[in-house]
Each structure stands twice: as structure tokens, then as C-alpha cells.
Amino acid sequence: AVVAYAALTVLLGVMATWCAAGVNWPIFCEIVPEESRSTVVAWDTALEGISGTVIGTPAVAFLANVFGYSQEVGASVRNEANAVALGKGLMWTTVLPSMACLAFYSLMHSYP
């Protein structure tokens, strides 16, 4: 499981970073006036980062609670049920947005 997790993490880190430089910025260069490009790219980067922080963190906490995360402080430091619940929350807040991005970016490949 550790090898699969490491491989998927590296794959996500390598593939997810291409969207800005390979898709977003070239599109902005085509549709945004030259004097506004840096502002638009800055807003895009800022909103992307803020949305991940403002929406993602509470979503992970909410989903972890849905999947049975217990906030009780017990004698055991290691709680496997909490780890599983948190892992499921992280998985859903990573996979669903990634699939939505894949769907939207795929729509750009259809021509009129």
C-alpha cells in the first residue's frame, strides 16, 4: 500500500502541475489583452490556492466526521479508525475535484 500511495502521490505531483503552464496560461495569452495578462494569471493562481485552502480543509474535516472520525481523546495515541476516516476524507477531496478538472479540461479538446 505504501508503494502504491507513493506512486500515486508522485504521479499527481507531476501531472497536476501541467495544467497552469500547459493550458491555463496559453489560453489567457490568447483571450486576455496583453496589458492585463499578468493580473489575470495572478488572480487565477491566487483563487486556485485560496479555494484549496478555504474549501478543501473544512471539506476534509466534514467528510472525516461523516466517515466516523472520533474526536474523543483516549489512552491510545494511534487510532486506526480515525486514520481510515481521515484517509477517506482526503481521498474524496482529492479524487472528485481531480475528476471534475479532467472532465472540464477534456471538454476543451472538442472543436465546433
N, C-alpha and C. Protein backbone atom coordinates (compact mmCIF):
# COMPACT_ATOMS: atom_id res chain seq x y z
N ALA A 1 0.83 -1.19 0.00
CA ALA A 1 0.00 0.00 0.00
C ALA A 1 0.87 1.26 0.00
N VAL A 2 2.01 1.20 0.64
CA VAL A 2 2.89 2.36 0.71
C VAL A 2 3.47 2.68 -0.67
N VAL A 3 3.84 1.66 -1.41
CA VAL A 3 4.40 1.87 -2.74
C VAL A 3 3.33 2.47 -3.67
N ALA A 4 2.12 1.94 -3.60
CA ALA A 4 1.03 2.47 -4.43
C ALA A 4 0.74 3.93 -4.07
N TYR A 5 0.70 4.22 -2.77
CA TYR A 5 0.46 5.59 -2.32
C TYR A 5 1.57 6.52 -2.81
N ALA A 6 2.80 6.10 -2.67
CA ALA A 6 3.93 6.93 -3.10
C ALA A 6 3.88 7.16 -4.61
N ALA A 7 3.57 6.11 -5.36
CA ALA A 7 3.50 6.24 -6.82
C ALA A 7 2.38 7.20 -7.23
N LEU A 8 1.22 7.07 -6.60
CA LEU A 8 0.11 7.96 -6.93
C LEU A 8 0.40 9.41 -6.53
N THR A 9 1.07 9.59 -5.41
CA THR A 9 1.42 10.94 -4.96
C THR A 9 2.40 11.60 -5.93
N VAL A 10 3.40 10.85 -6.36
CA VAL A 10 4.36 11.39 -7.33
C VAL A 10 3.66 11.67 -8.66
N LEU A 11 2.81 10.77 -9.10
CA LEU A 11 2.07 10.96 -10.35
C LEU A 11 1.19 12.21 -10.28
N LEU A 12 0.50 12.40 -9.17
CA LEU A 12 -0.33 13.60 -9.00
C LEU A 12 0.53 14.85 -9.02
N GLY A 13 1.65 14.83 -8.32
CA GLY A 13 2.53 15.98 -8.28
C GLY A 13 3.11 16.34 -9.64
N VAL A 14 3.39 15.33 -10.44
CA VAL A 14 3.96 15.57 -11.77
C VAL A 14 2.88 16.01 -12.76
N MET A 15 1.75 15.35 -12.75
CA MET A 15 0.71 15.62 -13.75
C MET A 15 -0.12 16.86 -13.44
N ALA A 16 -0.43 17.09 -12.19
CA ALA A 16 -1.33 18.20 -11.84
C ALA A 16 -0.69 19.56 -12.06
N THR A 17 0.61 19.63 -12.11
CA THR A 17 1.28 20.92 -12.26
C THR A 17 1.30 21.39 -13.71
N TRP A 18 0.93 20.56 -14.65
CA TRP A 18 0.98 20.93 -16.06
C TRP A 18 -0.18 21.81 -16.49
N CYS A 19 -1.27 21.77 -15.75
CA CYS A 19 -2.47 22.50 -16.19
C CYS A 19 -2.23 24.00 -16.31
N ALA A 20 -1.57 24.59 -15.34
CA ALA A 20 -1.36 26.04 -15.38
C ALA A 20 -0.47 26.44 -16.56
N ALA A 21 0.69 25.86 -16.64
CA ALA A 21 1.65 26.25 -17.68
C ALA A 21 1.27 25.73 -19.06
N GLY A 22 0.62 24.60 -19.13
CA GLY A 22 0.31 23.99 -20.42
C GLY A 22 -1.04 24.32 -20.99
N VAL A 23 -1.98 24.77 -20.14
CA VAL A 23 -3.34 25.03 -20.62
C VAL A 23 -3.80 26.44 -20.25
N ASN A 24 -3.83 26.72 -18.95
CA ASN A 24 -4.41 28.00 -18.50
C ASN A 24 -3.67 29.20 -19.06
N TRP A 25 -2.37 29.27 -18.86
CA TRP A 25 -1.61 30.44 -19.29
C TRP A 25 -1.64 30.65 -20.80
N PRO A 26 -1.49 29.60 -21.61
CA PRO A 26 -1.61 29.82 -23.06
C PRO A 26 -3.00 30.32 -23.48
N ILE A 27 -4.03 29.81 -22.82
CA ILE A 27 -5.38 30.29 -23.15
C ILE A 27 -5.52 31.76 -22.75
N PHE A 28 -5.02 32.10 -21.56
CA PHE A 28 -5.08 33.50 -21.14
C PHE A 28 -4.33 34.40 -22.11
N CYS A 29 -3.21 33.92 -22.62
CA CYS A 29 -2.43 34.72 -23.58
C CYS A 29 -3.22 34.98 -24.86
N GLU A 30 -4.11 34.08 -25.20
CA GLU A 30 -4.91 34.24 -26.42
C GLU A 30 -6.13 35.13 -26.21
N ILE A 31 -6.76 35.05 -25.04
CA ILE A 31 -8.05 35.74 -24.87
C ILE A 31 -7.99 37.00 -24.03
N VAL A 32 -6.89 37.24 -23.32
CA VAL A 32 -6.77 38.40 -22.44
C VAL A 32 -5.87 39.44 -23.11
N PRO A 33 -6.25 40.71 -23.05
CA PRO A 33 -5.38 41.75 -23.61
C PRO A 33 -4.00 41.73 -22.94
N GLU A 34 -2.99 42.08 -23.71
CA GLU A 34 -1.60 41.97 -23.25
C GLU A 34 -1.35 42.72 -21.94
N GLU A 35 -1.94 43.89 -21.78
CA GLU A 35 -1.69 44.67 -20.57
C GLU A 35 -2.35 44.09 -19.32
N SER A 36 -3.25 43.12 -19.47
CA SER A 36 -3.95 42.53 -18.32
C SER A 36 -3.50 41.11 -18.01
N ARG A 37 -2.61 40.54 -18.79
CA ARG A 37 -2.25 39.13 -18.64
C ARG A 37 -1.68 38.80 -17.27
N SER A 38 -0.75 39.61 -16.80
CA SER A 38 -0.13 39.30 -15.51
C SER A 38 -1.15 39.36 -14.38
N THR A 39 -2.09 40.28 -14.47
CA THR A 39 -3.14 40.39 -13.45
C THR A 39 -4.05 39.17 -13.48
N VAL A 40 -4.43 38.74 -14.66
CA VAL A 40 -5.32 37.59 -14.79
C VAL A 40 -4.63 36.31 -14.31
N VAL A 41 -3.37 36.13 -14.66
CA VAL A 41 -2.63 34.95 -14.21
C VAL A 41 -2.47 34.98 -12.70
N ALA A 42 -2.21 36.16 -12.13
CA ALA A 42 -2.09 36.27 -10.68
C ALA A 42 -3.40 35.93 -9.98
N TRP A 43 -4.51 36.44 -10.51
CA TRP A 43 -5.82 36.12 -9.93
C TRP A 43 -6.12 34.62 -10.05
N ASP A 44 -5.81 34.04 -11.18
CA ASP A 44 -6.03 32.60 -11.37
C ASP A 44 -5.25 31.79 -10.34
N THR A 45 -3.99 32.12 -10.17
CA THR A 45 -3.15 31.40 -9.22
C THR A 45 -3.64 31.61 -7.79
N ALA A 46 -4.00 32.84 -7.45
CA ALA A 46 -4.47 33.14 -6.10
C ALA A 46 -5.78 32.42 -5.79
N LEU A 47 -6.73 32.48 -6.71
CA LEU A 47 -8.02 31.84 -6.48
C LEU A 47 -7.90 30.32 -6.41
N GLU A 48 -7.02 29.77 -7.20
CA GLU A 48 -6.80 28.32 -7.15
C GLU A 48 -6.24 27.91 -5.79
N GLY A 49 -5.27 28.66 -5.29
CA GLY A 49 -4.70 28.34 -3.99
C GLY A 49 -5.65 28.58 -2.84
N ILE A 50 -6.39 29.69 -2.90
CA ILE A 50 -7.33 30.02 -1.83
C ILE A 50 -8.47 29.00 -1.78
N SER A 51 -8.97 28.60 -2.94
CA SER A 51 -10.08 27.65 -2.95
C SER A 51 -9.67 26.32 -2.33
N GLY A 52 -8.45 25.90 -2.59
CA GLY A 52 -7.97 24.66 -1.98
C GLY A 52 -7.88 24.76 -0.47
N THR A 53 -7.50 25.92 0.02
CA THR A 53 -7.36 26.11 1.46
C THR A 53 -8.70 26.34 2.14
N VAL A 54 -9.50 27.23 1.59
CA VAL A 54 -10.76 27.62 2.23
C VAL A 54 -11.82 26.53 2.11
N ILE A 55 -11.87 25.85 0.99
CA ILE A 55 -12.88 24.82 0.78
C ILE A 55 -12.35 23.44 1.16
N GLY A 56 -11.11 23.15 0.79
CA GLY A 56 -10.57 21.81 0.98
C GLY A 56 -10.42 21.38 2.43
N THR A 57 -9.87 22.25 3.26
CA THR A 57 -9.63 21.87 4.65
C THR A 57 -10.93 21.57 5.40
N PRO A 58 -11.94 22.45 5.35
CA PRO A 58 -13.19 22.11 6.02
C PRO A 58 -13.88 20.89 5.40
N ALA A 59 -13.73 20.70 4.09
CA ALA A 59 -14.34 19.54 3.44
C ALA A 59 -13.73 18.24 3.94
N VAL A 60 -12.41 18.22 4.12
CA VAL A 60 -11.76 17.02 4.67
C VAL A 60 -12.27 16.75 6.07
N ALA A 61 -12.36 17.78 6.90
CA ALA A 61 -12.85 17.61 8.27
C ALA A 61 -14.29 17.11 8.28
N PHE A 62 -15.13 17.70 7.44
CA PHE A 62 -16.53 17.28 7.37
C PHE A 62 -16.65 15.82 6.94
N LEU A 63 -15.95 15.46 5.87
CA LEU A 63 -16.03 14.09 5.38
C LEU A 63 -15.42 13.09 6.36
N ALA A 64 -14.36 13.48 7.05
CA ALA A 64 -13.79 12.59 8.06
C ALA A 64 -14.82 12.30 9.14
N ASN A 65 -15.58 13.32 9.56
CA ASN A 65 -16.65 13.10 10.54
C ASN A 65 -17.74 12.21 9.97
N VAL A 66 -18.08 12.40 8.70
CA VAL A 66 -19.09 11.55 8.05
C VAL A 66 -18.63 10.09 8.05
N PHE A 67 -17.34 9.87 7.83
CA PHE A 67 -16.80 8.51 7.78
C PHE A 67 -16.44 7.96 9.15
N GLY A 68 -16.81 8.65 10.23
CA GLY A 68 -16.66 8.09 11.57
C GLY A 68 -15.47 8.56 12.38
N TYR A 69 -14.89 9.69 12.04
CA TYR A 69 -13.77 10.22 12.82
C TYR A 69 -14.25 10.57 14.21
N SER A 70 -13.55 10.11 15.22
CA SER A 70 -13.90 10.38 16.61
C SER A 70 -12.92 11.37 17.21
N GLN A 71 -13.45 12.44 17.80
CA GLN A 71 -12.60 13.47 18.38
C GLN A 71 -12.32 13.24 19.86
N GLU A 72 -12.76 12.11 20.38
CA GLU A 72 -12.52 11.80 21.78
C GLU A 72 -11.04 11.52 22.01
N VAL A 73 -10.53 12.05 23.11
CA VAL A 73 -9.13 11.81 23.47
C VAL A 73 -9.10 10.56 24.32
N GLY A 74 -8.38 9.56 23.84
CA GLY A 74 -8.31 8.29 24.55
C GLY A 74 -6.91 7.98 24.99
N ALA A 75 -6.76 6.82 25.59
CA ALA A 75 -5.44 6.41 26.08
C ALA A 75 -4.51 6.04 24.93
N SER A 76 -5.08 5.54 23.85
CA SER A 76 -4.22 5.12 22.74
C SER A 76 -3.89 6.31 21.86
N VAL A 77 -2.63 6.43 21.51
CA VAL A 77 -2.18 7.51 20.64
C VAL A 77 -2.58 7.22 19.20
N ARG A 78 -2.62 5.95 18.87
CA ARG A 78 -2.89 5.53 17.50
C ARG A 78 -4.30 4.99 17.39
N ASN A 79 -5.11 5.61 16.58
CA ASN A 79 -6.48 5.18 16.39
C ASN A 79 -6.67 4.87 14.91
N GLU A 80 -6.71 3.60 14.59
CA GLU A 80 -6.80 3.19 13.19
C GLU A 80 -8.11 3.60 12.54
N ALA A 81 -9.20 3.61 13.30
CA ALA A 81 -10.48 4.02 12.73
C ALA A 81 -10.44 5.49 12.31
N ASN A 82 -9.80 6.32 13.13
CA ASN A 82 -9.65 7.74 12.76
C ASN A 82 -8.76 7.90 11.54
N ALA A 83 -7.71 7.11 11.46
CA ALA A 83 -6.81 7.17 10.30
C ALA A 83 -7.55 6.79 9.02
N VAL A 84 -8.39 5.76 9.10
CA VAL A 84 -9.16 5.34 7.93
C VAL A 84 -10.17 6.42 7.55
N ALA A 85 -10.86 7.00 8.54
CA ALA A 85 -11.84 8.05 8.26
C ALA A 85 -11.18 9.27 7.64
N LEU A 86 -10.04 9.68 8.17
CA LEU A 86 -9.32 10.83 7.62
C LEU A 86 -8.80 10.52 6.21
N GLY A 87 -8.32 9.30 6.01
CA GLY A 87 -7.86 8.90 4.68
C GLY A 87 -8.97 8.93 3.65
N LYS A 88 -10.17 8.49 4.04
CA LYS A 88 -11.31 8.54 3.11
C LYS A 88 -11.69 9.98 2.80
N GLY A 89 -11.65 10.84 3.82
CA GLY A 89 -11.95 12.26 3.59
C GLY A 89 -10.95 12.88 2.63
N LEU A 90 -9.67 12.60 2.83
CA LEU A 90 -8.64 13.11 1.92
C LEU A 90 -8.80 12.56 0.51
N MET A 91 -9.14 11.27 0.43
CA MET A 91 -9.29 10.65 -0.88
C MET A 91 -10.42 11.32 -1.67
N TRP A 92 -11.57 11.52 -1.04
CA TRP A 92 -12.70 12.11 -1.75
C TRP A 92 -12.48 13.57 -2.09
N THR A 93 -11.74 14.30 -1.25
CA THR A 93 -11.48 15.71 -1.56
C THR A 93 -10.34 15.86 -2.56
N THR A 94 -9.68 14.79 -2.89
CA THR A 94 -8.65 14.82 -3.92
C THR A 94 -9.18 14.26 -5.24
N VAL A 95 -9.85 13.13 -5.18
CA VAL A 95 -10.31 12.44 -6.39
C VAL A 95 -11.44 13.20 -7.09
N LEU A 96 -12.46 13.62 -6.35
CA LEU A 96 -13.59 14.29 -7.00
C LEU A 96 -13.18 15.59 -7.71
N PRO A 97 -12.44 16.50 -7.06
CA PRO A 97 -12.01 17.69 -7.80
C PRO A 97 -11.10 17.36 -8.99
N SER A 98 -10.26 16.35 -8.84
CA SER A 98 -9.38 15.97 -9.95
C SER A 98 -10.18 15.44 -11.12
N MET A 99 -11.21 14.66 -10.85
CA MET A 99 -12.06 14.14 -11.92
C MET A 99 -12.86 15.27 -12.58
N ALA A 100 -13.30 16.24 -11.78
CA ALA A 100 -14.01 17.40 -12.36
C ALA A 100 -13.07 18.19 -13.27
N CYS A 101 -11.84 18.40 -12.83
CA CYS A 101 -10.85 19.10 -13.67
C CYS A 101 -10.59 18.32 -14.95
N LEU A 102 -10.44 17.01 -14.84
CA LEU A 102 -10.23 16.18 -16.02
C LEU A 102 -11.38 16.33 -17.00
N ALA A 103 -12.61 16.32 -16.48
CA ALA A 103 -13.77 16.45 -17.35
C ALA A 103 -13.79 17.81 -18.04
N PHE A 104 -13.54 18.88 -17.28
CA PHE A 104 -13.58 20.22 -17.88
C PHE A 104 -12.44 20.43 -18.87
N TYR A 105 -11.24 19.98 -18.52
CA TYR A 105 -10.12 20.13 -19.45
C TYR A 105 -10.33 19.27 -20.70
N SER A 106 -10.98 18.12 -20.55
CA SER A 106 -11.26 17.27 -21.71
C SER A 106 -12.24 17.93 -22.66
N LEU A 107 -13.16 18.73 -22.13
CA LEU A 107 -14.12 19.43 -22.99
C LEU A 107 -13.43 20.43 -23.91
N MET A 108 -12.26 20.90 -23.53
CA MET A 108 -11.53 21.86 -24.37
C MET A 108 -10.99 21.21 -25.64
N HIS A 109 -10.99 19.90 -25.70
CA HIS A 109 -10.46 19.20 -26.87
C HIS A 109 -11.51 18.97 -27.94
N SER A 110 -12.75 19.36 -27.67
CA SER A 110 -13.79 19.22 -28.70
C SER A 110 -13.88 20.53 -29.46
N TYR A 111 -13.87 20.41 -30.75
CA TYR A 111 -13.90 21.60 -31.59
C TYR A 111 -15.27 21.73 -32.24
N PRO A 112 -15.70 22.98 -32.49
CA PRO A 112 -17.03 23.18 -33.09
C PRO A 112 -17.12 22.62 -34.50
